[in-house]
Amino acid sequence: MSLMKRISTVFRAKANSALDKAEDPRETLDYSYQRQLEMLTKVRRGVADVATSRKRVELQMNQLQNQSDKLTSQAQKALDMGREDLAREALTRKSALTGQLNDLQAQHAQLQGEEEKLTLASQRLQAKVESFRTRKETIKATYTAAEAQTRIGEAFSGISEEMGDVGMAIQRAEDKTLQMQARAGAVDELIASGALDDASSINRGDDISRELEAMSSQSDVESELAALKGGSSSAPTPQLDAPDAAPAPGAQAQGQAAPRTEGEQR
């Protein structure tokens, strides 16, 4: 039972907190005003019903009074004609109508009193409703102004939920930007110091390695150039235009073979 009571208490507390967050005082005031209007309408309807009953009683009273007057006239006529028995019967009926008329008069007085009370209550309730409506509108206007002022203050101070999200997004963007700038600067420093190789450069390595490779390449070029120069100085110089130079045996054989080939073609 203790556990169930605790669960019930926690549930009611959570429900109360959720309802408190969801409740809008302006909506509550409008609902209360609507209920008061409904109550005022019921009171007015009650006044109308009582007034209707009073009017019906008045009509019955008038009808009974007319019948009583008629019976009095008939009794007088019967006496004039010497019909005392008929006069007595008319007066008897009149006496019964008088009793009914007295009852209706008492009922009419009671209904009239209730009507006056209900009318007074309706007027008071109407005044109360009008006062509540004025107060309601004042409270709603004050609440709306306070809510707007609170939102503006929270927006300026940056403690509202929307502005807080925007501020956090800006802070994250600035942090990421600073981190990327720091990383780019660190990589540039490492590449400049030679701790990291630039994969996009043709000559890899640090400055000393590149200088040694350049010196080795220049030494190889000088060695190859010297070898070319030595080879060209030791080779014999050809004489192409010597008049008394003997033709080579191969060339003479080729010169003799050529006429035979032309004779054979002829």
Protein backbone atom coordinates (compact mmCIF):
# COMPACT_ATOMS: atom_id res chain seq x y z
CA MET A 1 0.00 0.00 0.00
CA SER A 2 2.90 2.34 0.74
CA LEU A 3 4.33 1.76 -2.73
CA MET A 4 0.97 2.34 -4.38
CA LYS A 5 0.48 5.57 -2.44
CA ARG A 6 3.90 6.80 -3.54
CA ILE A 7 3.14 5.90 -7.16
CA SER A 8 -0.22 7.67 -6.92
CA THR A 9 1.40 10.75 -5.35
CA VAL A 10 4.12 10.88 -8.02
CA PHE A 11 1.53 10.45 -10.77
CA ARG A 12 -0.65 13.26 -9.39
CA ALA A 13 2.41 15.51 -9.00
CA LYS A 14 3.50 14.84 -12.57
CA ALA A 15 -0.03 15.40 -13.87
CA ASN A 16 -0.35 18.62 -11.88
CA SER A 17 2.98 19.87 -13.23
CA ALA A 18 1.99 18.99 -16.80
CA LEU A 19 -1.38 20.70 -16.41
CA ASP A 20 0.25 23.76 -14.87
CA LYS A 21 2.58 24.04 -17.86
CA ALA A 22 -0.24 23.51 -20.34
CA GLU A 23 -2.69 25.86 -18.61
CA ASP A 24 -3.09 29.30 -20.11
CA PRO A 25 -4.66 31.81 -17.65
CA ARG A 26 -6.35 33.62 -20.50
CA GLU A 27 -8.11 30.47 -21.65
CA THR A 28 -9.12 29.69 -18.07
CA LEU A 29 -10.59 33.17 -17.64
CA ASP A 30 -12.50 32.90 -20.91
CA TYR A 31 -13.87 29.53 -19.86
CA SER A 32 -14.97 30.91 -16.48
CA TYR A 33 -16.65 33.85 -18.19
CA GLN A 34 -18.44 31.45 -20.53
CA ARG A 35 -19.70 29.43 -17.58
CA GLN A 36 -20.99 32.57 -15.87
CA LEU A 37 -22.80 33.58 -19.05
CA GLU A 38 -24.42 30.15 -19.16
CA MET A 39 -25.48 30.54 -15.53
CA LEU A 40 -26.89 34.01 -16.25
CA THR A 41 -28.80 32.58 -19.18
CA LYS A 42 -30.31 29.88 -16.95
CA VAL A 43 -31.33 32.48 -14.36
CA ARG A 44 -32.96 34.62 -17.04
CA ARG A 45 -34.75 31.56 -18.38
CA GLY A 46 -35.98 30.85 -14.85
CA VAL A 47 -37.25 34.42 -14.54
CA ALA A 48 -39.06 34.04 -17.85
CA ASP A 49 -40.61 30.73 -16.71
CA VAL A 50 -41.82 32.25 -13.43
CA ALA A 51 -43.18 35.28 -15.26
CA THR A 52 -44.99 32.97 -17.67
CA SER A 53 -46.54 31.05 -14.77
CA ARG A 54 -47.56 34.30 -13.09
CA LYS A 55 -49.17 35.49 -16.29
CA ARG A 56 -51.08 32.23 -16.65
CA VAL A 57 -52.36 32.56 -13.09
CA GLU A 58 -53.43 36.13 -13.82
CA LEU A 59 -55.38 34.93 -16.85
CA GLN A 60 -57.09 32.26 -14.77
CA MET A 61 -57.88 34.82 -12.07
CA ASN A 62 -59.41 37.16 -14.62
CA GLN A 63 -61.42 34.32 -16.06
CA LEU A 64 -62.70 33.29 -12.61
CA GLN A 65 -63.48 36.90 -11.75
CA ASN A 66 -65.52 37.25 -14.93
CA GLN A 67 -67.44 34.07 -14.13
CA SER A 68 -68.04 35.29 -10.56
CA ASP A 69 -69.37 38.59 -11.82
CA LYS A 70 -71.59 36.79 -14.28
CA LEU A 71 -73.03 34.54 -11.55
CA THR A 72 -73.74 37.60 -9.41
CA SER A 73 -75.65 39.16 -12.30
CA GLN A 74 -77.58 35.96 -12.91
CA ALA A 75 -78.51 35.68 -9.22
CA GLN A 76 -79.82 39.23 -9.30
CA LYS A 77 -81.91 38.51 -12.38
CA ALA A 78 -83.29 35.31 -10.81
CA LEU A 79 -84.41 37.25 -7.73
CA ASP A 80 -86.03 39.85 -9.93
CA MET A 81 -87.97 37.07 -11.66
CA GLY A 82 -88.94 35.47 -8.36
CA ARG A 83 -86.66 32.48 -8.80
CA GLU A 84 -84.96 32.39 -5.46
CA ASP A 85 -83.78 28.83 -6.01
CA LEU A 86 -81.87 29.81 -9.14
CA ALA A 87 -80.42 32.81 -7.34
CA ARG A 88 -79.26 30.53 -4.52
CA GLU A 89 -77.62 28.12 -7.04
CA ALA A 90 -75.82 30.97 -8.78
CA LEU A 91 -74.51 32.30 -5.49
CA THR A 92 -73.34 28.79 -4.51
CA ARG A 93 -71.32 28.51 -7.69
CA LYS A 94 -69.99 31.96 -7.11
CA SER A 95 -68.81 30.94 -3.66
CA ALA A 96 -66.85 28.00 -5.17
CA LEU A 97 -65.29 30.28 -7.73
CA THR A 98 -64.38 32.70 -4.96
CA GLY A 99 -62.44 29.94 -3.19
CA GLN A 100 -60.55 29.10 -6.37
CA LEU A 101 -59.95 32.76 -6.95
CA ASN A 102 -58.46 33.17 -3.49
CA ASP A 103 -56.13 30.21 -4.12
CA LEU A 104 -55.04 31.69 -7.42
CA GLN A 105 -54.45 35.04 -5.77
CA ALA A 106 -52.18 33.40 -3.17
CA GLN A 107 -50.34 31.51 -5.91
CA HIS A 108 -50.04 34.70 -7.92
CA ALA A 109 -48.54 36.53 -4.97
CA GLN A 110 -46.04 33.70 -4.43
CA LEU A 111 -45.03 33.64 -8.09
CA GLN A 112 -44.73 37.39 -8.15
CA GLY A 113 -42.42 37.26 -5.13
CA GLU A 114 -40.25 34.55 -6.76
CA GLU A 115 -40.16 36.54 -9.95
CA GLU A 116 -38.96 39.61 -8.11
CA LYS A 117 -36.27 37.59 -6.32
CA LEU A 118 -35.09 35.97 -9.54
CA THR A 119 -35.12 39.30 -11.33
CA LEU A 120 -33.00 40.84 -8.59
CA ALA A 121 -30.65 37.83 -8.66
CA SER A 122 -30.40 38.07 -12.42
CA GLN A 123 -29.54 41.74 -12.22
CA ARG A 124 -26.90 41.12 -9.57
CA LEU A 125 -25.47 38.20 -11.51
CA GLN A 126 -25.41 40.26 -14.68
CA ALA A 127 -23.54 43.03 -12.86
CA LYS A 128 -21.14 40.44 -11.49
CA VAL A 129 -20.60 38.95 -14.92
CA GLU A 130 -19.97 42.37 -16.42
CA SER A 131 -17.49 43.15 -13.66
CA PHE A 132 -15.79 39.80 -14.19
CA ARG A 133 -15.62 40.44 -17.92
CA THR A 134 -13.93 43.80 -17.35
CA ARG A 135 -11.52 42.27 -14.86
CA LYS A 136 -10.93 39.33 -17.18
CA GLU A 137 -9.96 41.55 -20.08
CA THR A 138 -7.70 43.59 -17.81
CA ILE A 139 -5.96 40.47 -16.51
CA LYS A 140 -5.59 39.08 -20.02
CA ALA A 141 -4.09 42.33 -21.29
CA THR A 142 -1.71 42.48 -18.33
CA TYR A 143 -0.71 38.84 -18.77
CA THR A 144 -0.14 39.31 -22.50
CA ALA A 145 2.00 42.40 -21.88
CA ALA A 146 3.99 40.60 -19.18
CA GLU A 147 4.47 37.59 -21.44
CA ALA A 148 5.69 39.78 -24.29
CA GLN A 149 8.00 41.69 -21.96
CA THR A 150 9.38 38.43 -20.60
CA ARG A 151 10.04 37.07 -24.08
CA ILE A 152 11.75 40.30 -25.13
CA GLY A 153 13.87 40.25 -21.99
CA GLU A 154 14.81 36.61 -22.53
CA ALA A 155 15.65 37.34 -26.17
CA PHE A 156 17.90 40.25 -25.18
CA SER A 157 19.58 38.27 -22.43
CA GLY A 158 19.86 35.14 -24.57
CA ILE A 159 18.30 32.82 -21.98
CA SER A 160 15.26 31.88 -24.01
CA GLU A 161 15.13 28.43 -25.56
CA GLU A 162 15.21 29.65 -29.17
CA MET A 163 17.99 32.16 -28.60
CA GLY A 164 19.87 29.60 -26.53
CA ASP A 165 19.81 27.15 -29.44
CA VAL A 166 21.00 29.87 -31.81
CA GLY A 167 23.78 30.86 -29.42
CA MET A 168 24.90 27.25 -29.04
CA ALA A 169 24.94 26.79 -32.83
CA ILE A 170 27.05 29.93 -33.25
CA GLN A 171 29.42 28.77 -30.49
CA ARG A 172 29.82 25.35 -32.13
CA ALA A 173 30.51 26.96 -35.51
CA GLU A 174 33.13 29.25 -33.99
CA ASP A 175 34.77 26.34 -32.16
CA LYS A 176 34.94 24.26 -35.33
CA THR A 177 36.34 27.21 -37.28
CA LEU A 178 39.05 27.82 -34.69
CA GLN A 179 39.88 24.11 -34.62
CA MET A 180 40.22 23.97 -38.42
CA GLN A 181 42.36 27.10 -38.46
CA ALA A 182 44.61 25.68 -35.75
CA ARG A 183 44.95 22.39 -37.61
CA ALA A 184 45.76 24.12 -40.89
CA GLY A 185 48.38 26.29 -39.19
CA ALA A 186 49.95 23.27 -37.48
CA VAL A 187 50.16 21.34 -40.74
CA ASP A 188 51.76 24.29 -42.51
CA GLU A 189 54.36 24.60 -39.74
CA LEU A 190 55.14 20.87 -39.88
CA ILE A 191 55.54 20.97 -43.65
CA ALA A 192 57.76 24.03 -43.46
CA SER A 193 59.96 22.45 -40.79
CA GLY A 194 60.30 19.22 -42.76
CA ALA A 195 58.58 17.05 -40.16
CA LEU A 196 55.93 16.25 -42.78
CA ASP A 197 56.40 15.73 -46.54
CA ASP A 198 54.31 17.65 -49.02
CA ALA A 199 52.68 14.95 -51.14
CA SER A 200 51.89 17.42 -53.91
CA SER A 201 55.53 18.56 -54.39
CA ILE A 202 57.84 16.87 -56.91
CA ASN A 203 60.95 16.97 -54.75
CA ARG A 204 60.12 15.31 -51.47
CA GLY A 205 62.07 15.43 -48.22
CA ASP A 206 63.46 18.27 -46.24
CA ASP A 207 65.65 21.12 -47.43
CA ILE A 208 68.97 19.25 -46.86
CA SER A 209 67.80 16.19 -48.80
CA ARG A 210 66.64 18.33 -51.70
CA GLU A 211 69.97 20.21 -51.72
CA LEU A 212 71.97 16.93 -51.70
CA GLU A 213 69.89 15.53 -54.54
CA ALA A 214 70.46 18.71 -56.52
CA MET A 215 74.24 18.51 -56.01
CA SER A 216 74.29 14.82 -57.00
CA SER A 217 72.29 15.54 -60.14
CA GLN A 218 74.64 18.39 -61.09
CA SER A 219 77.69 16.11 -60.54
CA ASP A 220 76.20 13.45 -62.80
CA VAL A 221 75.60 16.04 -65.52
CA GLU A 222 79.20 17.26 -65.31
CA SER A 223 80.55 13.70 -65.47
CA GLU A 224 78.46 12.84 -68.50
CA LEU A 225 79.48 16.07 -70.24
CA ALA A 226 83.16 15.31 -69.63
CA ALA A 227 82.73 11.81 -71.01
CA LEU A 228 81.15 13.19 -74.15
CA LYS A 229 83.97 15.64 -74.59
CA GLY A 230 86.63 12.87 -74.22
CA GLY A 231 84.95 10.63 -76.74
CA SER A 232 84.76 13.34 -79.38
CA SER A 233 88.50 14.24 -79.12
CA SER A 234 89.79 10.62 -79.58
CA ALA A 235 87.64 9.75 -82.68
CA PRO A 236 89.28 10.24 -86.30
CA THR A 237 88.05 13.08 -88.41
CA PRO A 238 86.34 11.83 -91.61
CA GLN A 239 87.47 13.27 -95.05
CA LEU A 240 84.62 13.22 -97.43
CA ASP A 241 86.00 15.35 -100.32
CA ALA A 242 89.52 13.81 -100.87
CA PRO A 243 90.17 13.50 -104.72
CA ASP A 244 92.71 10.73 -104.61
CA ALA A 245 91.09 8.66 -101.99
CA ALA A 246 90.66 5.10 -103.03
CA PRO A 247 87.16 3.86 -102.98
CA ALA A 248 86.29 1.18 -100.63
CA PRO A 249 86.14 -2.32 -102.01
CA GLY A 250 82.53 -2.64 -101.19
CA ALA A 251 81.70 0.58 -103.01
CA GLN A 252 83.59 -0.53 -106.18
CA ALA A 253 81.82 -3.81 -106.25
CA GLN A 254 78.56 -2.01 -105.94
CA GLY A 255 79.51 0.25 -108.89
CA GLN A 256 80.29 -2.67 -111.17
CA ALA A 257 77.22 -4.56 -110.23
CA ALA A 258 74.92 -1.76 -111.13
CA PRO A 259 75.58 -1.81 -115.02
CA ARG A 260 75.00 -5.53 -115.13
CA THR A 261 71.71 -5.06 -113.52
CA GLU A 262 70.70 -2.45 -116.09
CA GLY A 263 71.81 -4.76 -118.97
CA GLU A 264 69.82 -7.57 -117.64
CA GLN A 265 66.74 -5.33 -117.42
CA ARG A 266 67.22 -4.26 -121.06
